[in-house]
Amino acid sequence: MTFPTSPTDQPEPKRWLDDSRNVDKIFYSLALVCTGLFLADLLYHKHTYFAFENWFGFFAWYGFLCCVALVLLAKQMRKWVKRDEDYYGD
């Protein structure tokens, strides 16, 4: 008598993001869109309140630096809020 194999015994089918060429396509497409949006800052007139808001690409740089700051802050906060591996018990 033979038993059916479990789903874990069979190899997992390859997905479209498993191919590194597809990941590269997504990365370069995102970089192209971000570059285009950054350069689009030249094409419109801004009605600003502060003078530094008129700097070329100010909001792109501001957003990027804030994102980097959030990641660095989260890495430091992890040390503070981290729990032991068996915190919830067995």
PDB file of N, CA and C in Angstrom:
ATOM      1  N   MET A   1       0.848  -1.169   0.000  1.00  0.00           N
ATOM      2  CA  MET A   1       0.000   0.000   0.000  1.00  0.00           C
ATOM      3  C   MET A   1       0.897   1.236   0.000  1.00  0.00           C
ATOM      4  N   THR A   2       0.616   2.154  -0.903  1.00  0.00           N
ATOM      5  CA  THR A   2       1.415   3.374  -0.971  1.00  0.00           C
ATOM      6  C   THR A   2       0.614   4.541  -0.428  1.00  0.00           C
ATOM      7  N   PHE A   3       1.294   5.381   0.265  1.00  0.00           N
ATOM      8  CA  PHE A   3       0.648   6.557   0.832  1.00  0.00           C
ATOM      9  C   PHE A   3       0.976   7.773  -0.030  1.00  0.00           C
ATOM     10  N   PRO A   4       0.040   8.696  -0.149  1.00  0.00           N
ATOM     11  CA  PRO A   4       0.357   9.902  -0.936  1.00  0.00           C
ATOM     12  C   PRO A   4       1.442  10.710  -0.239  1.00  0.00           C
ATOM     13  N   THR A   5       2.231  11.326  -1.045  1.00  0.00           N
ATOM     14  CA  THR A   5       3.295  12.147  -0.468  1.00  0.00           C
ATOM     15  C   THR A   5       2.695  13.424   0.101  1.00  0.00           C
ATOM     16  N   SER A   6       3.319  13.921   1.122  1.00  0.00           N
ATOM     17  CA  SER A   6       2.828  15.168   1.714  1.00  0.00           C
ATOM     18  C   SER A   6       3.263  16.344   0.842  1.00  0.00           C
ATOM     19  N   PRO A   7       2.560  17.472   0.940  1.00  0.00           N
ATOM     20  CA  PRO A   7       2.934  18.637   0.131  1.00  0.00           C
ATOM     21  C   PRO A   7       4.335  19.153   0.420  1.00  0.00           C
ATOM     22  N   THR A   8       4.852  18.841   1.605  1.00  0.00           N
ATOM     23  CA  THR A   8       6.191  19.331   1.936  1.00  0.00           C
ATOM     24  C   THR A   8       7.275  18.516   1.256  1.00  0.00           C
ATOM     25  N   ASP A   9       6.951  17.317   0.770  1.00  0.00           N
ATOM     26  CA  ASP A   9       7.946  16.483   0.098  1.00  0.00           C
ATOM     27  C   ASP A   9       8.196  16.931  -1.336  1.00  0.00           C
ATOM     28  N   GLN A  10       7.261  17.671  -1.910  1.00  0.00           N
ATOM     29  CA  GLN A  10       7.403  18.102  -3.293  1.00  0.00           C
ATOM     30  C   GLN A  10       8.093  19.455  -3.336  1.00  0.00           C
ATOM     31  N   PRO A  11       8.894  19.672  -4.374  1.00  0.00           N
ATOM     32  CA  PRO A  11       9.577  20.974  -4.469  1.00  0.00           C
ATOM     33  C   PRO A  11       8.562  22.099  -4.706  1.00  0.00           C
ATOM     34  N   GLU A  12       8.836  23.218  -4.090  1.00  0.00           N
ATOM     35  CA  GLU A  12       7.941  24.363  -4.235  1.00  0.00           C
ATOM     36  C   GLU A  12       8.071  24.930  -5.648  1.00  0.00           C
ATOM     37  N   PRO A  13       6.951  25.265  -6.277  1.00  0.00           N
ATOM     38  CA  PRO A  13       7.054  25.820  -7.633  1.00  0.00           C
ATOM     39  C   PRO A  13       7.759  27.176  -7.624  1.00  0.00           C
ATOM     40  N   LYS A  14       8.469  27.443  -8.700  1.00  0.00           N
ATOM     41  CA  LYS A  14       9.215  28.692  -8.797  1.00  0.00           C
ATOM     42  C   LYS A  14       8.253  29.842  -9.076  1.00  0.00           C
ATOM     43  N   ARG A  15       8.368  30.905  -8.317  1.00  0.00           N
ATOM     44  CA  ARG A  15       7.528  32.086  -8.488  1.00  0.00           C
ATOM     45  C   ARG A  15       8.255  33.105  -9.343  1.00  0.00           C
ATOM     46  N   TRP A  16       7.526  34.146  -9.785  1.00  0.00           N
ATOM     47  CA  TRP A  16       8.125  35.106 -10.711  1.00  0.00           C
ATOM     48  C   TRP A  16       9.163  35.987 -10.038  1.00  0.00           C
ATOM     49  N   LEU A  17       9.083  36.183  -8.733  1.00  0.00           N
ATOM     50  CA  LEU A  17      10.092  36.985  -8.039  1.00  0.00           C
ATOM     51  C   LEU A  17      11.318  36.163  -7.633  1.00  0.00           C
ATOM     52  N   ASP A  18      11.271  34.847  -7.853  1.00  0.00           N
ATOM     53  CA  ASP A  18      12.449  34.024  -7.592  1.00  0.00           C
ATOM     54  C   ASP A  18      13.525  34.247  -8.649  1.00  0.00           C
ATOM     55  N   ASP A  19      13.141  34.758  -9.797  1.00  0.00           N
ATOM     56  CA  ASP A  19      14.086  35.049 -10.864  1.00  0.00           C
ATOM     57  C   ASP A  19      14.706  36.425 -10.608  1.00  0.00           C
ATOM     58  N   SER A  20      16.021  36.472 -10.479  1.00  0.00           N
ATOM     59  CA  SER A  20      16.688  37.734 -10.131  1.00  0.00           C
ATOM     60  C   SER A  20      16.525  38.792 -11.216  1.00  0.00           C
ATOM     61  N   ARG A  21      16.291  38.376 -12.455  1.00  0.00           N
ATOM     62  CA  ARG A  21      16.077  39.358 -13.530  1.00  0.00           C
ATOM     63  C   ARG A  21      14.799  40.151 -13.292  1.00  0.00           C
ATOM     64  N   ASN A  22      13.767  39.491 -12.769  1.00  0.00           N
ATOM     65  CA  ASN A  22      12.521  40.199 -12.490  1.00  0.00           C
ATOM     66  C   ASN A  22      12.680  41.169 -11.323  1.00  0.00           C
ATOM     67  N   VAL A  23      13.455  40.774 -10.322  1.00  0.00           N
ATOM     68  CA  VAL A  23      13.718  41.670  -9.195  1.00  0.00           C
ATOM     69  C   VAL A  23      14.499  42.888  -9.677  1.00  0.00           C
ATOM     70  N   ASP A  24      15.468  42.661 -10.564  1.00  0.00           N
ATOM     71  CA  ASP A  24      16.233  43.779 -11.136  1.00  0.00           C
ATOM     72  C   ASP A  24      15.330  44.713 -11.927  1.00  0.00           C
ATOM     73  N   LYS A  25      14.379  44.153 -12.681  1.00  0.00           N
ATOM     74  CA  LYS A  25      13.444  44.984 -13.449  1.00  0.00           C
ATOM     75  C   LYS A  25      12.627  45.883 -12.527  1.00  0.00           C
ATOM     76  N   ILE A  26      12.156  45.332 -11.418  1.00  0.00           N
ATOM     77  CA  ILE A  26      11.373  46.121 -10.464  1.00  0.00           C
ATOM     78  C   ILE A  26      12.239  47.209  -9.848  1.00  0.00           C
ATOM     79  N   PHE A  27      13.462  46.866  -9.460  1.00  0.00           N
ATOM     80  CA  PHE A  27      14.355  47.837  -8.832  1.00  0.00           C
ATOM     81  C   PHE A  27      14.654  48.999  -9.774  1.00  0.00           C
ATOM     82  N   TYR A  28      15.037  48.677 -11.010  1.00  0.00           N
ATOM     83  CA  TYR A  28      15.385  49.740 -11.955  1.00  0.00           C
ATOM     84  C   TYR A  28      14.165  50.549 -12.381  1.00  0.00           C
ATOM     85  N   SER A  29      13.005  49.916 -12.448  1.00  0.00           N
ATOM     86  CA  SER A  29      11.779  50.661 -12.748  1.00  0.00           C
ATOM     87  C   SER A  29      11.464  51.650 -11.628  1.00  0.00           C
ATOM     88  N   LEU A  30      11.603  51.208 -10.396  1.00  0.00           N
ATOM     89  CA  LEU A  30      11.361  52.090  -9.261  1.00  0.00           C
ATOM     90  C   LEU A  30      12.374  53.234  -9.228  1.00  0.00           C
ATOM     91  N   ALA A  31      13.635  52.933  -9.520  1.00  0.00           N
ATOM     92  CA  ALA A  31      14.659  53.977  -9.562  1.00  0.00           C
ATOM     93  C   ALA A  31      14.356  54.982 -10.668  1.00  0.00           C
ATOM     94  N   LEU A  32      13.883  54.505 -11.820  1.00  0.00           N
ATOM     95  CA  LEU A  32      13.529  55.391 -12.922  1.00  0.00           C
ATOM     96  C   LEU A  32      12.352  56.295 -12.565  1.00  0.00           C
ATOM     97  N   VAL A  33      11.337  55.734 -11.913  1.00  0.00           N
ATOM     98  CA  VAL A  33      10.177  56.540 -11.501  1.00  0.00           C
ATOM     99  C   VAL A  33      10.601  57.588 -10.473  1.00  0.00           C
ATOM    100  N   CYS A  34      11.420  57.200  -9.507  1.00  0.00           N
ATOM    101  CA  CYS A  34      11.880  58.154  -8.492  1.00  0.00           C
ATOM    102  C   CYS A  34      12.718  59.263  -9.106  1.00  0.00           C
ATOM    103  N   THR A  35      13.575  58.916 -10.052  1.00  0.00           N
ATOM    104  CA  THR A  35      14.387  59.924 -10.734  1.00  0.00           C
ATOM    105  C   THR A  35      13.503  60.870 -11.532  1.00  0.00           C
ATOM    106  N   GLY A  36      12.511  60.325 -12.221  1.00  0.00           N
ATOM    107  CA  GLY A  36      11.579  61.162 -12.977  1.00  0.00           C
ATOM    108  C   GLY A  36      10.807  62.120 -12.089  1.00  0.00           C
ATOM    109  N   LEU A  37      10.358  61.632 -10.951  1.00  0.00           N
ATOM    110  CA  LEU A  37       9.634  62.507 -10.020  1.00  0.00           C
ATOM    111  C   LEU A  37      10.551  63.565  -9.421  1.00  0.00           C
ATOM    112  N   PHE A  38      11.795  63.188  -9.182  1.00  0.00           N
ATOM    113  CA  PHE A  38      12.762  64.152  -8.662  1.00  0.00           C
ATOM    114  C   PHE A  38      13.006  65.262  -9.680  1.00  0.00           C
ATOM    115  N   LEU A  39      13.164  64.893 -10.951  1.00  0.00           N
ATOM    116  CA  LEU A  39      13.397  65.885 -12.005  1.00  0.00           C
ATOM    117  C   LEU A  39      12.144  66.697 -12.326  1.00  0.00           C
ATOM    118  N   ALA A  40      10.981  66.136 -12.052  1.00  0.00           N
ATOM    119  CA  ALA A  40       9.725  66.861 -12.290  1.00  0.00           C
ATOM    120  C   ALA A  40       9.596  68.077 -11.388  1.00  0.00           C
ATOM    121  N   ASP A  41      10.420  68.130 -10.363  1.00  0.00           N
ATOM    122  CA  ASP A  41      10.417  69.284  -9.465  1.00  0.00           C
ATOM    123  C   ASP A  41      10.796  70.566 -10.202  1.00  0.00           C
ATOM    124  N   LEU A  42      11.456  70.433 -11.330  1.00  0.00           N
ATOM    125  CA  LEU A  42      11.836  71.600 -12.136  1.00  0.00           C
ATOM    126  C   LEU A  42      10.674  72.154 -12.963  1.00  0.00           C
ATOM    127  N   LEU A  43       9.608  71.383 -13.126  1.00  0.00           N
ATOM    128  CA  LEU A  43       8.586  71.708 -14.108  1.00  0.00           C
ATOM    129  C   LEU A  43       7.379  72.480 -13.582  1.00  0.00           C
ATOM    130  N   TYR A  44       7.328  72.771 -12.326  1.00  0.00           N
ATOM    131  CA  TYR A  44       6.163  73.484 -11.804  1.00  0.00           C
ATOM    132  C   TYR A  44       6.595  74.571 -10.819  1.00  0.00           C
ATOM    133  N   HIS A  45       5.718  75.521 -10.644  1.00  0.00           N
ATOM    134  CA  HIS A  45       5.980  76.624  -9.720  1.00  0.00           C
ATOM    135  C   HIS A  45       5.415  76.264  -8.351  1.00  0.00           C
ATOM    136  N   LYS A  46       6.226  76.438  -7.350  1.00  0.00           N
ATOM    137  CA  LYS A  46       5.805  76.111  -5.985  1.00  0.00           C
ATOM    138  C   LYS A  46       5.358  77.377  -5.264  1.00  0.00           C
ATOM    139  N   HIS A  47       4.299  77.272  -4.518  1.00  0.00           N
ATOM    140  CA  HIS A  47       3.845  78.360  -3.646  1.00  0.00           C
ATOM    141  C   HIS A  47       4.257  77.966  -2.226  1.00  0.00           C
ATOM    142  N   THR A  48       5.394  78.472  -1.808  1.00  0.00           N
ATOM    143  CA  THR A  48       5.974  78.024  -0.542  1.00  0.00           C
ATOM    144  C   THR A  48       5.801  79.067   0.553  1.00  0.00           C
ATOM    145  N   TYR A  49       5.937  78.581   1.753  1.00  0.00           N
ATOM    146  CA  TYR A  49       5.863  79.443   2.916  1.00  0.00           C
ATOM    147  C   TYR A  49       7.263  79.793   3.410  1.00  0.00           C
ATOM    148  N   PHE A  50       8.144  78.814   3.374  1.00  0.00           N
ATOM    149  CA  PHE A  50       9.533  79.012   3.791  1.00  0.00           C
ATOM    150  C   PHE A  50      10.443  79.006   2.569  1.00  0.00           C
ATOM    151  N   ALA A  51      11.552  79.716   2.643  1.00  0.00           N
ATOM    152  CA  ALA A  51      12.456  79.839   1.497  1.00  0.00           C
ATOM    153  C   ALA A  51      13.103  78.504   1.128  1.00  0.00           C
ATOM    154  N   PHE A  52      13.418  77.664   2.120  1.00  0.00           N
ATOM    155  CA  PHE A  52      14.093  76.406   1.812  1.00  0.00           C
ATOM    156  C   PHE A  52      13.200  75.434   1.060  1.00  0.00           C
ATOM    157  N   GLU A  53      11.901  75.650   1.070  1.00  0.00           N
ATOM    158  CA  GLU A  53      11.007  74.787   0.303  1.00  0.00           C
ATOM    159  C   GLU A  53      11.177  74.992  -1.206  1.00  0.00           C
ATOM    160  N   ASN A  54      11.808  76.080  -1.613  1.00  0.00           N
ATOM    161  CA  ASN A  54      12.064  76.339  -3.028  1.00  0.00           C
ATOM    162  C   ASN A  54      13.315  75.641  -3.539  1.00  0.00           C
ATOM    163  N   TRP A  55      14.125  75.081  -2.662  1.00  0.00           N
ATOM    164  CA  TRP A  55      15.324  74.382  -3.095  1.00  0.00           C
ATOM    165  C   TRP A  55      14.941  73.228  -3.999  1.00  0.00           C
ATOM    166  N   PHE A  56      15.763  72.984  -5.012  1.00  0.00           N
ATOM    167  CA  PHE A  56      15.494  71.895  -5.951  1.00  0.00           C
ATOM    168  C   PHE A  56      15.490  70.551  -5.230  1.00  0.00           C
ATOM    169  N   GLY A  57      14.417  69.809  -5.365  1.00  0.00           N
ATOM    170  CA  GLY A  57      14.316  68.478  -4.776  1.00  0.00           C
ATOM    171  C   GLY A  57      14.213  68.458  -3.273  1.00  0.00           C
ATOM    172  N   PHE A  58      13.794  69.563  -2.675  1.00  0.00           N
ATOM    173  CA  PHE A  58      13.759  69.630  -1.207  1.00  0.00           C
ATOM    174  C   PHE A  58      12.902  68.514  -0.604  1.00  0.00           C
ATOM    175  N   PHE A  59      11.696  68.329  -1.127  1.00  0.00           N
ATOM    176  CA  PHE A  59      10.789  67.355  -0.520  1.00  0.00           C
ATOM    177  C   PHE A  59      11.257  65.917  -0.757  1.00  0.00           C
ATOM    178  N   ALA A  60      11.937  65.675  -1.874  1.00  0.00           N
ATOM    179  CA  ALA A  60      12.499  64.346  -2.112  1.00  0.00           C
ATOM    180  C   ALA A  60      13.611  64.056  -1.105  1.00  0.00           C
ATOM    181  N   TRP A  61      14.507  65.019  -0.912  1.00  0.00           N
ATOM    182  CA  TRP A  61      15.583  64.827   0.062  1.00  0.00           C
ATOM    183  C   TRP A  61      15.051  64.753   1.488  1.00  0.00           C
ATOM    184  N   TYR A  62      14.070  65.575   1.782  1.00  0.00           N
ATOM    185  CA  TYR A  62      13.469  65.562   3.121  1.00  0.00           C
ATOM    186  C   TYR A  62      12.837  64.194   3.412  1.00  0.00           C
ATOM    187  N   GLY A  63      12.088  63.683   2.454  1.00  0.00           N
ATOM    188  CA  GLY A  63      11.463  62.375   2.633  1.00  0.00           C
ATOM    189  C   GLY A  63      12.490  61.267   2.767  1.00  0.00           C
ATOM    190  N   PHE A  64      13.543  61.309   1.954  1.00  0.00           N
ATOM    191  CA  PHE A  64      14.582  60.292   2.022  1.00  0.00           C
ATOM    192  C   PHE A  64      15.295  60.328   3.371  1.00  0.00           C
ATOM    193  N   LEU A  65      15.684  61.507   3.810  1.00  0.00           N
ATOM    194  CA  LEU A  65      16.394  61.623   5.087  1.00  0.00           C
ATOM    195  C   LEU A  65      15.514  61.228   6.274  1.00  0.00           C
ATOM    196  N   CYS A  66      14.229  61.562   6.212  1.00  0.00           N
ATOM    197  CA  CYS A  66      13.322  61.148   7.290  1.00  0.00           C
ATOM    198  C   CYS A  66      13.155  59.633   7.318  1.00  0.00           C
ATOM    199  N   CYS A  67      13.108  59.006   6.152  1.00  0.00           N
ATOM    200  CA  CYS A  67      13.004  57.547   6.083  1.00  0.00           C
ATOM    201  C   CYS A  67      14.247  56.889   6.675  1.00  0.00           C
ATOM    202  N   VAL A  68      15.418  57.409   6.333  1.00  0.00           N
ATOM    203  CA  VAL A  68      16.667  56.877   6.885  1.00  0.00           C
ATOM    204  C   VAL A  68      16.688  57.074   8.405  1.00  0.00           C
ATOM    205  N   ALA A  69      16.242  58.232   8.855  1.00  0.00           N
ATOM    206  CA  ALA A  69      16.212  58.497  10.298  1.00  0.00           C
ATOM    207  C   ALA A  69      15.262  57.539  11.016  1.00  0.00           C
ATOM    208  N   LEU A  70      14.118  57.233  10.408  1.00  0.00           N
ATOM    209  CA  LEU A  70      13.181  56.292  11.022  1.00  0.00           C
ATOM    210  C   LEU A  70      13.788  54.894  11.139  1.00  0.00           C
ATOM    211  N   VAL A  71      14.500  54.457  10.117  1.00  0.00           N
ATOM    212  CA  VAL A  71      15.129  53.135  10.166  1.00  0.00           C
ATOM    213  C   VAL A  71      16.193  53.099  11.253  1.00  0.00           C
ATOM    214  N   LEU A  72      17.026  54.130  11.325  1.00  0.00           N
ATOM    215  CA  LEU A  72      18.064  54.164  12.360  1.00  0.00           C
ATOM    216  C   LEU A  72      17.464  54.245  13.756  1.00  0.00           C
ATOM    217  N   LEU A  73      16.399  55.020  13.908  1.00  0.00           N
ATOM    218  CA  LEU A  73      15.714  55.104  15.203  1.00  0.00           C
ATOM    219  C   LEU A  73      15.099  53.759  15.586  1.00  0.00           C
ATOM    220  N   ALA A  74      14.505  53.068  14.613  1.00  0.00           N
ATOM    221  CA  ALA A  74      13.897  51.772  14.901  1.00  0.00           C
ATOM    222  C   ALA A  74      14.947  50.752  15.318  1.00  0.00           C
ATOM    223  N   LYS A  75      16.126  50.817  14.716  1.00  0.00           N
ATOM    224  CA  LYS A  75      17.195  49.897  15.110  1.00  0.00           C
ATOM    225  C   LYS A  75      17.614  50.145  16.554  1.00  0.00           C
ATOM    226  N   GLN A  76      17.646  51.393  16.974  1.00  0.00           N
ATOM    227  CA  GLN A  76      18.011  51.699  18.360  1.00  0.00           C
ATOM    228  C   GLN A  76      16.869  51.331  19.315  1.00  0.00           C
ATOM    229  N   MET A  77      15.639  51.563  18.889  1.00  0.00           N
ATOM    230  CA  MET A  77      14.490  51.225  19.742  1.00  0.00           C
ATOM    231  C   MET A  77      14.367  49.725  19.945  1.00  0.00           C
ATOM    232  N   ARG A  78      14.826  48.940  18.966  1.00  0.00           N
ATOM    233  CA  ARG A  78      14.755  47.492  19.082  1.00  0.00           C
ATOM    234  C   ARG A  78      15.527  47.010  20.305  1.00  0.00           C
ATOM    235  N   LYS A  79      16.636  47.641  20.603  1.00  0.00           N
ATOM    236  CA  LYS A  79      17.421  47.275  21.779  1.00  0.00           C
ATOM    237  C   LYS A  79      16.632  47.512  23.057  1.00  0.00           C
ATOM    238  N   TRP A  80      15.771  48.487  23.028  1.00  0.00           N
ATOM    239  CA  TRP A  80      15.027  48.885  24.221  1.00  0.00           C
ATOM    240  C   TRP A  80      13.767  48.039  24.420  1.00  0.00           C
ATOM    241  N   VAL A  81      13.061  47.723  23.347  1.00  0.00           N
ATOM    242  CA  VAL A  81      11.776  47.024  23.479  1.00  0.00           C
ATOM    243  C   VAL A  81      11.883  45.530  23.193  1.00  0.00           C
ATOM    244  N   LYS A  82      13.055  45.038  22.875  1.00  0.00           N
ATOM    245  CA  LYS A  82      13.231  43.620  22.550  1.00  0.00           C
ATOM    246  C   LYS A  82      12.927  42.759  23.770  1.00  0.00           C
ATOM    247  N   ARG A  83      12.296  41.622  23.507  1.00  0.00           N
ATOM    248  CA  ARG A  83      11.989  40.658  24.570  1.00  0.00           C
ATOM    249  C   ARG A  83      12.824  39.397  24.367  1.00  0.00           C
ATOM    250  N   ASP A  84      12.976  38.620  25.437  1.00  0.00           N
ATOM    251  CA  ASP A  84      13.678  37.353  25.330  1.00  0.00           C
ATOM    252  C   ASP A  84      12.924  36.409  24.404  1.00  0.00           C
ATOM    253  N   GLU A  85      13.658  35.409  23.902  1.00  0.00           N
ATOM    254  CA  GLU A  85      13.061  34.468  22.961  1.00  0.00           C
ATOM    255  C   GLU A  85      11.897  33.703  23.587  1.00  0.00           C
ATOM    256  N   ASP A  86      11.987  33.390  24.871  1.00  0.00           N
ATOM    257  CA  ASP A  86      10.916  32.633  25.535  1.00  0.00           C
ATOM    258  C   ASP A  86      10.046  33.538  26.411  1.00  0.00           C
ATOM    259  N   TYR A  87       9.843  34.770  25.988  1.00  0.00           N
ATOM    260  CA  TYR A  87       9.081  35.732  26.772  1.00  0.00           C
ATOM    261  C   TYR A  87       7.677  35.247  27.064  1.00  0.00           C
ATOM    262  N   TYR A  88       7.004  34.666  26.088  1.00  0.00           N
ATOM    263  CA  TYR A  88       5.624  34.216  26.281  1.00  0.00           C
ATOM    264  C   TYR A  88       5.532  32.838  26.904  1.00  0.00           C
ATOM    265  N   GLY A  89       6.640  32.215  27.127  1.00  0.00           N
ATOM    266  CA  GLY A  89       6.661  30.914  27.789  1.00  0.00           C
ATOM    267  C   GLY A  89       6.288  29.783  26.845  1.00  0.00           C
ATOM    268  N   ASP A  90       6.364  28.593  27.377  1.00  0.00           N
ATOM    269  CA  ASP A  90       6.038  27.413  26.561  1.00  0.00           C
ATOM    270  C   ASP A  90       4.736  26.817  26.979  1.00  0.00           C
TER     271      ASP A  90
END
